[in-house]
Amino acid sequence: MGRRTVGLTLALAVGVTLLAAPEASGTEAWAGAVSRATSTPTSLTLRADDKKLSPGDRVTFKARLLDQGTGSSVAGEQVMLQWQRSGSSGWQEGTTKTTGQGGRVQWRNLSTTYSSYFRVVYLGSASWESSVSPSRLVVVNPAVAAALKRTWVRPDGTVKLTGRVSPAFGGERVNVQRSVDGRWRTVAQVQQGGQGKFAFRIGGMNAYGPQRYRVSLEARDAHLAAASDVMQLTTVRLVTYRIETRGKVAGALDTFKQRTAEIFADPRGWSRSYVHFKRVKSGGGFSLFLSQAKFVPSFGSVCARYWSCRVGRNVIINENRWRHGTHYFKRSGGTMSEYRAMVVNHETGHWFGLGHATCGGRGQAAPVMMQQSKGLNGCKPNAWPLPGEIARVR
């Protein structure tokens, strides 16, 4: 019989797990009926890579044709690799190869878009009977990628979640899930679009705090179950502020804008109270001033030219303190970077409604609401709110 090759149409791009499947029954010819008036029975085996493949990798099949009685190899005979999609019926023709030394043959670097059974068929010859190998199941392990446009949302807001399933399974839905009491609960289903892409909007919760989400794909005949990495979305209180100046502070203004934005966004700061700060050009919840020292008293009687302060909606940072800090803070081991974070967090804490605190004990971190500019009283310099201070703002 002449050699015949038929293309195996299997799109490649996903990881697969290899599992044993029930043995195929019967012997099916790929080119019509073949006489079985032969003398020597044969046996076929089929093996596949037994490792779990990563997305984009391939699977290699190895087969061997043997004399069933003696176990000796049968070389120089054509065998065909066939495949059948899981959950479907009817074997599809793949490629034929000729057995070599030891009766061995292999198909290298194949993959499949859908979970499929594979087997090898030998039609027989004048000397050898036909045979079919047991089948092997190659199970597709999809990859689900998902990401939030941002990690925070207001109670009345939404955030866009986008992602993609590889390979794409047209028409199938993915589940958007939220962790509730340690269990994943589906909150929405979204149908895959072109190339496996999907999009969904997640709304904020009634209570401030973080929620964990993921996107999952249920198991089908065509593939295993899969899930994306876990994403955290925090429902926050949005606090807006604008930056203003008083007096001649132009030389420090650019640094002030950049550094205060970093302080407000720092995960060690008031953001732990589920607050998100956003700078605006006008209006805002409060005004953050960088003021020349001599103008600080103009904000109110509680303000002095030597310190920073807060009056009503105005959070005032003294330019001299911003540039140089205080010798009390630095003498206790604090740096200028820590001082700037401390003074911004301290005065903003007053805007949140917190009063002054005292040192909790020698060697302990000072509360951020302690007047660290005037002395530490045995505490260690600290730029960030302590857990108790965070709890009072939540």
Protein backbone atom coordinates (compact mmCIF):
# COMPACT_ATOMS: atom_id res chain seq x y z
CA MET A 1 0.00 0.00 0.00
CA GLY A 2 1.39 3.42 -0.96
CA ARG A 3 2.01 6.07 1.68
CA ARG A 4 -0.80 8.54 2.17
CA THR A 5 -0.67 11.66 4.33
CA VAL A 6 -3.72 13.54 5.61
CA GLY A 7 -3.27 16.84 7.49
CA LEU A 8 -4.20 16.84 11.17
CA THR A 9 -6.10 20.11 11.72
CA LEU A 10 -5.50 20.98 15.36
CA ALA A 11 -4.89 24.59 16.36
CA LEU A 12 -2.02 25.01 18.85
CA ALA A 13 -1.86 27.40 21.76
CA VAL A 14 -2.77 25.88 25.08
CA GLY A 15 -1.51 23.63 27.84
CA VAL A 16 -2.84 20.08 28.05
CA THR A 17 -2.98 17.32 30.62
CA LEU A 18 -2.70 13.75 29.44
CA LEU A 19 -5.10 11.14 30.81
CA ALA A 20 -5.72 7.51 29.95
CA ALA A 21 -9.03 6.80 28.18
CA PRO A 22 -11.04 3.62 27.58
CA GLU A 23 -9.73 1.36 24.84
CA ALA A 24 -11.27 1.90 21.41
CA SER A 25 -13.28 -1.00 20.07
CA GLY A 26 -13.08 -2.50 16.61
CA THR A 27 -10.79 -1.78 13.68
CA GLU A 28 -11.77 1.03 11.35
CA ALA A 29 -10.11 1.44 7.98
CA TRP A 30 -9.37 4.93 6.69
CA ALA A 31 -9.51 3.90 3.03
CA GLY A 32 -12.27 1.33 2.63
CA ALA A 33 -12.46 -2.36 3.44
CA VAL A 34 -9.23 -4.32 3.72
CA SER A 35 -9.00 -8.11 3.56
CA ARG A 36 -8.33 -9.65 6.98
CA ALA A 37 -7.22 -13.00 5.53
CA THR A 38 -3.81 -12.68 7.17
CA SER A 39 -1.85 -15.00 9.36
CA THR A 40 -0.17 -13.08 12.18
CA PRO A 41 -2.03 -10.92 14.74
CA THR A 42 -0.48 -7.57 15.66
CA SER A 43 -0.76 -5.18 18.58
CA LEU A 44 -0.41 -1.40 18.69
CA THR A 45 0.51 0.78 21.64
CA LEU A 46 0.28 4.56 21.89
CA ARG A 47 2.03 6.77 24.44
CA ALA A 48 1.97 10.51 24.94
CA ASP A 49 4.06 12.90 27.01
CA ASP A 50 2.95 12.40 30.59
CA LYS A 51 3.84 15.91 31.79
CA LYS A 52 1.41 18.83 32.11
CA LEU A 53 2.12 21.20 29.27
CA SER A 54 2.25 24.98 29.51
CA PRO A 55 0.27 27.19 27.12
CA GLY A 56 1.86 27.16 23.70
CA ASP A 57 3.69 23.86 24.21
CA ARG A 58 3.13 20.72 22.16
CA VAL A 59 2.49 17.04 22.82
CA THR A 60 4.39 14.19 21.17
CA PHE A 61 2.80 10.79 20.51
CA LYS A 62 4.84 7.59 20.24
CA ALA A 63 3.44 4.33 18.86
CA ARG A 64 4.81 0.82 18.38
CA LEU A 65 3.62 -2.05 16.17
CA LEU A 66 4.41 -5.55 17.43
CA ASP A 67 3.81 -9.19 16.63
CA GLN A 68 1.10 -10.02 19.15
CA GLY A 69 2.35 -13.53 19.69
CA THR A 70 6.10 -13.08 20.01
CA GLY A 71 6.36 -9.38 20.89
CA SER A 72 8.83 -8.84 18.07
CA SER A 73 8.71 -5.54 16.20
CA VAL A 74 6.98 -4.98 12.87
CA ALA A 75 8.86 -2.43 10.74
CA GLY A 76 8.10 -0.86 7.39
CA GLU A 77 4.31 -0.71 7.84
CA GLN A 78 2.08 2.35 7.59
CA VAL A 79 0.01 3.42 10.60
CA MET A 80 -2.30 6.38 11.00
CA LEU A 81 -2.86 8.72 13.97
CA GLN A 82 -6.59 9.47 14.36
CA TRP A 83 -8.38 11.88 16.69
CA GLN A 84 -11.88 12.44 18.03
CA ARG A 85 -13.07 15.46 19.95
CA SER A 86 -14.22 14.63 23.47
CA GLY A 87 -18.02 14.53 23.68
CA SER A 88 -18.34 13.92 19.94
CA SER A 89 -18.43 10.78 17.81
CA GLY A 90 -16.53 9.80 14.71
CA TRP A 91 -12.78 9.44 14.34
CA GLN A 92 -11.01 12.02 12.17
CA GLU A 93 -8.11 11.08 9.95
CA GLY A 94 -4.68 12.36 10.85
CA THR A 95 -1.30 11.66 9.30
CA THR A 96 0.23 8.32 8.35
CA LYS A 97 3.78 7.30 9.14
CA THR A 98 5.88 4.21 8.48
CA THR A 99 7.11 2.16 11.40
CA GLY A 100 10.85 2.13 11.73
CA GLN A 101 13.36 0.07 13.66
CA GLY A 102 11.71 -1.63 16.61
CA GLY A 103 8.29 -1.02 15.02
CA ARG A 104 8.37 2.50 16.41
CA VAL A 105 6.89 5.71 15.03
CA GLN A 106 6.16 9.15 16.51
CA TRP A 107 4.22 12.34 15.82
CA ARG A 108 6.03 15.32 17.26
CA ASN A 109 4.84 18.72 18.51
CA LEU A 110 1.09 18.38 18.09
CA SER A 111 -1.53 20.26 20.08
CA THR A 112 -5.27 20.66 20.15
CA THR A 113 -7.79 23.40 20.76
CA TYR A 114 -10.27 20.95 22.27
CA SER A 115 -9.91 17.97 24.58
CA SER A 116 -9.61 15.01 22.22
CA TYR A 117 -8.99 11.28 22.09
CA PHE A 118 -6.11 9.99 19.97
CA ARG A 119 -5.40 6.49 18.68
CA VAL A 120 -3.26 4.74 16.08
CA VAL A 121 -4.72 2.42 13.41
CA TYR A 122 -2.92 -0.26 11.39
CA LEU A 123 -4.86 -1.68 8.42
CA GLY A 124 -2.84 -4.82 8.06
CA SER A 125 -1.14 -6.43 5.06
CA ALA A 126 -0.71 -9.81 3.42
CA SER A 127 1.45 -10.87 6.37
CA TRP A 128 0.00 -9.02 9.31
CA GLU A 129 -3.45 -8.59 10.76
CA SER A 130 -4.89 -5.12 11.37
CA SER A 131 -4.96 -3.59 14.86
CA VAL A 132 -5.95 -0.47 16.78
CA SER A 133 -4.19 1.00 19.78
CA PRO A 134 -5.97 1.95 23.00
CA SER A 135 -6.86 5.65 22.86
CA ARG A 136 -5.30 8.46 24.85
CA LEU A 137 -7.17 11.54 26.02
CA VAL A 138 -5.46 14.91 25.73
CA VAL A 139 -7.29 17.38 27.96
CA VAL A 140 -7.04 21.09 27.28
CA ASN A 141 -6.17 23.24 30.29
CA PRO A 142 -7.32 26.77 29.35
CA ALA A 143 -5.68 29.93 30.61
CA VAL A 144 -7.92 32.71 31.95
CA ALA A 145 -6.38 36.17 32.22
CA ALA A 146 -8.30 39.01 33.86
CA ALA A 147 -7.49 42.47 35.20
CA LEU A 148 -9.27 45.41 36.81
CA LYS A 149 -8.82 48.87 35.32
CA ARG A 150 -8.11 50.13 38.86
CA THR A 151 -8.11 48.57 42.31
CA TRP A 152 -10.59 50.91 44.03
CA VAL A 153 -14.20 51.92 43.50
CA ARG A 154 -16.71 54.19 45.22
CA PRO A 155 -19.91 52.66 46.64
CA ASP A 156 -21.92 54.13 43.77
CA GLY A 157 -19.25 53.60 41.11
CA THR A 158 -18.12 50.79 38.82
CA VAL A 159 -14.81 49.47 37.58
CA LYS A 160 -14.21 47.71 34.28
CA LEU A 161 -12.90 44.15 34.36
CA THR A 162 -11.45 42.78 31.13
CA GLY A 163 -9.84 39.51 30.20
CA ARG A 164 -9.36 36.69 27.76
CA VAL A 165 -9.67 32.91 27.62
CA SER A 166 -6.98 31.05 25.68
CA PRO A 167 -7.88 29.22 23.59
CA ALA A 168 -11.23 30.82 22.85
CA PHE A 169 -14.37 28.70 23.20
CA GLY A 170 -16.95 30.54 21.17
CA GLY A 171 -20.32 31.02 22.83
CA GLU A 172 -19.20 29.81 26.26
CA ARG A 173 -19.70 32.05 29.27
CA VAL A 174 -17.22 32.88 31.98
CA ASN A 175 -18.26 33.41 35.60
CA VAL A 176 -17.36 36.55 37.52
CA GLN A 177 -17.05 35.41 41.13
CA ARG A 178 -16.66 37.12 44.51
CA SER A 179 -15.33 35.48 47.65
CA VAL A 180 -18.03 35.39 50.33
CA ASP A 181 -17.23 33.74 53.68
CA GLY A 182 -14.37 31.85 52.07
CA ARG A 183 -16.45 30.49 49.17
CA TRP A 184 -16.61 31.68 45.57
CA ARG A 185 -20.04 32.89 44.53
CA THR A 186 -20.94 33.79 40.96
CA VAL A 187 -22.18 37.37 40.69
CA ALA A 188 -22.39 37.58 36.90
CA GLN A 189 -21.84 35.62 33.70
CA VAL A 190 -20.29 37.08 30.58
CA GLN A 191 -20.13 35.49 27.16
CA GLN A 192 -16.79 35.28 25.43
CA GLY A 193 -16.43 37.46 22.38
CA GLY A 194 -13.95 37.30 19.54
CA GLN A 195 -10.65 35.62 20.42
CA GLY A 196 -11.99 34.66 23.84
CA LYS A 197 -12.18 38.25 25.10
CA PHE A 198 -14.70 39.41 27.70
CA ALA A 199 -15.54 42.56 29.65
CA PHE A 200 -17.67 43.34 32.66
CA ARG A 201 -18.26 46.21 35.09
CA ILE A 202 -18.06 45.56 38.83
CA GLY A 203 -19.94 47.88 41.18
CA GLY A 204 -18.87 49.10 44.61
CA MET A 205 -20.21 47.63 47.84
CA ASN A 206 -22.36 49.29 50.49
CA ALA A 207 -19.56 49.01 53.07
CA TYR A 208 -16.00 50.28 52.67
CA GLY A 209 -13.32 47.64 52.39
CA PRO A 210 -11.69 45.08 50.05
CA GLN A 211 -13.41 42.30 48.11
CA ARG A 212 -11.73 39.43 46.26
CA TYR A 213 -12.79 38.57 42.71
CA ARG A 214 -11.82 36.05 40.05
CA VAL A 215 -13.07 34.89 36.65
CA SER A 216 -13.71 31.17 36.19
CA LEU A 217 -14.49 28.83 33.31
CA GLU A 218 -16.50 25.69 34.07
CA ALA A 219 -15.30 22.28 32.91
CA ARG A 220 -16.74 21.00 29.65
CA ASP A 221 -16.06 18.05 27.34
CA ALA A 222 -13.79 20.39 25.42
CA HIS A 223 -11.63 21.54 28.35
CA LEU A 224 -10.86 21.46 32.05
CA ALA A 225 -12.10 24.06 34.51
CA ALA A 226 -9.90 27.14 34.88
CA ALA A 227 -9.77 30.37 36.85
CA SER A 228 -7.90 33.64 36.72
CA ASP A 229 -5.63 34.99 39.43
CA VAL A 230 -7.49 36.57 42.33
CA MET A 231 -8.04 40.34 42.07
CA GLN A 232 -8.76 42.66 45.00
CA LEU A 233 -11.12 45.59 44.60
CA THR A 234 -11.56 47.99 47.52
CA THR A 235 -14.69 50.06 48.00
CA VAL A 236 -13.37 53.39 49.24
CA ARG A 237 -14.38 56.78 50.49
CA LEU A 238 -13.21 59.20 47.81
CA VAL A 239 -11.57 62.31 49.28
CA THR A 240 -10.75 65.14 46.89
CA TYR A 241 -8.31 67.94 47.62
CA ARG A 242 -6.75 70.85 45.83
CA ILE A 243 -3.31 72.35 46.38
CA GLU A 244 -2.99 76.05 47.16
CA THR A 245 -0.17 78.34 48.28
CA ARG A 246 0.25 81.43 50.39
CA GLY A 247 3.35 83.61 50.11
CA LYS A 248 6.53 82.91 48.14
CA VAL A 249 6.89 79.12 47.96
CA ALA A 250 7.43 78.56 44.24
CA GLY A 251 10.80 76.88 44.72
CA ALA A 252 9.26 74.03 46.75
CA LEU A 253 5.88 73.74 45.03
CA ASP A 254 6.65 71.06 42.41
CA THR A 255 8.26 68.78 44.99
CA PHE A 256 5.36 69.44 47.35
CA LYS A 257 2.77 68.39 44.76
CA GLN A 258 4.60 65.20 43.87
CA ARG A 259 5.54 64.15 47.38
CA THR A 260 2.10 64.78 48.90
CA ALA A 261 0.46 62.70 46.17
CA GLU A 262 2.86 59.85 47.01
CA ILE A 263 2.11 60.18 50.73
CA PHE A 264 -1.65 60.06 50.18
CA ALA A 265 -1.29 56.98 47.92
CA ASP A 266 1.13 55.12 50.19
CA PRO A 267 -0.40 51.86 51.49
CA ARG A 268 1.02 52.65 54.94
CA GLY A 269 -1.02 55.84 55.18
CA TRP A 270 -4.66 56.86 55.52
CA SER A 271 -5.46 54.71 52.48
CA ARG A 272 -5.58 51.83 54.98
CA SER A 273 -8.76 53.47 56.23
CA TYR A 274 -10.30 52.69 52.81
CA VAL A 275 -9.79 56.29 51.71
CA HIS A 276 -8.70 57.23 48.21
CA PHE A 277 -7.29 60.73 47.73
CA LYS A 278 -7.74 62.49 44.42
CA ARG A 279 -6.30 65.87 43.59
CA VAL A 280 -8.64 68.26 41.77
CA LYS A 281 -8.12 71.68 40.20
CA SER A 282 -10.98 73.38 42.03
CA GLY A 283 -13.36 72.66 44.87
CA GLY A 284 -12.46 69.47 46.68
CA GLY A 285 -13.08 68.22 50.18
CA PHE A 286 -10.16 70.20 51.59
CA SER A 287 -7.39 72.55 50.53
CA LEU A 288 -3.79 71.50 51.12
CA PHE A 289 -1.72 74.67 51.53
CA LEU A 290 2.02 75.15 51.31
CA SER A 291 2.41 78.43 53.13
CA GLN A 292 5.31 80.74 53.75
CA ALA A 293 5.95 80.68 57.51
CA LYS A 294 5.06 84.30 58.17
CA PHE A 295 1.60 83.83 56.63
CA VAL A 296 0.62 80.69 58.59
CA PRO A 297 -0.94 82.73 61.47
CA SER A 298 -3.27 84.37 58.94
CA PHE A 299 -5.29 81.15 58.78
CA GLY A 300 -6.48 81.38 62.40
CA SER A 301 -5.55 81.83 66.02
CA VAL A 302 -4.56 78.17 66.44
CA CYS A 303 -1.77 78.60 63.87
CA ALA A 304 1.75 79.87 64.57
CA ARG A 305 4.59 80.82 62.24
CA TYR A 306 6.75 77.99 63.66
CA TRP A 307 4.44 75.02 62.94
CA SER A 308 1.92 73.52 60.55
CA CYS A 309 -1.78 73.46 61.42
CA ARG A 310 -5.34 72.78 60.29
CA VAL A 311 -8.22 75.25 60.29
CA GLY A 312 -11.61 74.13 58.96
CA ARG A 313 -11.19 72.79 55.43
CA ASN A 314 -7.62 74.13 55.21
CA VAL A 315 -4.69 71.80 55.88
CA ILE A 316 -1.63 74.08 56.14
CA ILE A 317 1.95 72.89 55.81
CA ASN A 318 4.57 75.40 56.98
CA GLU A 319 7.18 75.86 54.23
CA ASN A 320 10.05 76.14 56.74
CA ARG A 321 9.05 72.86 58.34
CA TRP A 322 8.62 71.27 54.89
CA ARG A 323 12.13 72.30 53.89
CA HIS A 324 14.01 71.69 57.14
CA GLY A 325 11.91 69.65 59.57
CA THR A 326 12.68 70.15 63.27
CA HIS A 327 15.75 69.28 65.32
CA TYR A 328 13.55 67.35 67.79
CA PHE A 329 12.44 64.93 65.07
CA LYS A 330 15.84 64.62 63.43
CA ARG A 331 17.67 64.26 66.74
CA SER A 332 15.46 61.26 67.50
CA GLY A 333 16.54 59.55 64.28
CA GLY A 334 13.87 60.72 61.86
CA THR A 335 14.71 61.61 58.25
CA MET A 336 13.40 64.53 56.20
CA SER A 337 11.40 62.13 54.01
CA GLU A 338 9.76 60.70 57.14
CA TYR A 339 9.14 64.16 58.55
CA ARG A 340 7.30 65.30 55.44
CA ALA A 341 5.10 62.20 55.46
CA MET A 342 4.47 62.64 59.19
CA VAL A 343 3.45 66.29 58.99
CA VAL A 344 1.10 65.75 56.02
CA ASN A 345 -0.49 62.70 57.65
CA HIS A 346 -0.73 64.51 61.01
CA GLU A 347 -2.51 67.60 59.70
CA THR A 348 -4.75 65.53 57.42
CA GLY A 349 -5.63 63.45 60.47
CA HIS A 350 -6.90 66.65 62.09
CA TRP A 351 -9.09 67.21 59.01
CA PHE A 352 -10.50 63.69 59.57
CA GLY A 353 -11.42 64.81 63.07
CA LEU A 354 -8.62 63.28 65.14
CA GLY A 355 -7.05 65.13 68.05
CA HIS A 356 -3.54 64.95 69.44
CA ALA A 357 -2.12 61.73 70.87
CA THR A 358 0.70 61.00 73.30
CA CYS A 359 3.59 58.54 73.36
CA GLY A 360 2.41 55.08 74.33
CA GLY A 361 5.69 54.12 75.98
CA ARG A 362 9.45 54.47 75.60
CA GLY A 363 10.76 52.74 72.49
CA GLN A 364 7.34 52.47 70.86
CA ALA A 365 6.44 54.02 67.51
CA ALA A 366 4.92 57.46 68.02
CA PRO A 367 1.30 57.91 66.96
CA VAL A 368 1.14 60.01 63.83
CA MET A 369 -1.23 62.32 65.71
CA MET A 370 1.45 62.98 68.35
CA GLN A 371 3.15 66.40 68.04
CA GLN A 372 6.41 64.86 66.92
CA SER A 373 7.70 68.21 65.64
CA LYS A 374 7.96 69.35 69.27
CA GLY A 375 9.51 66.22 70.78
CA LEU A 376 9.20 62.43 70.93
CA ASN A 377 9.14 61.83 74.71
CA GLY A 378 10.91 58.51 74.32
CA CYS A 379 8.91 57.27 71.32
CA LYS A 380 10.45 56.45 67.97
CA PRO A 381 9.77 58.77 65.00
CA ASN A 382 6.89 57.47 62.92
CA ALA A 383 5.38 58.90 59.73
CA TRP A 384 2.34 56.64 59.37
CA PRO A 385 -0.97 56.16 61.23
CA LEU A 386 -0.98 53.38 63.82
CA PRO A 387 -3.71 50.69 63.62
CA GLY A 388 -5.81 52.40 66.28
CA GLU A 389 -5.68 55.68 64.37
CA ILE A 390 -6.66 53.90 61.17
CA ALA A 391 -9.63 52.30 62.93
CA ARG A 392 -10.88 55.70 64.12
CA VAL A 393 -11.06 57.04 60.56
CA ARG A 394 -12.81 54.01 59.03
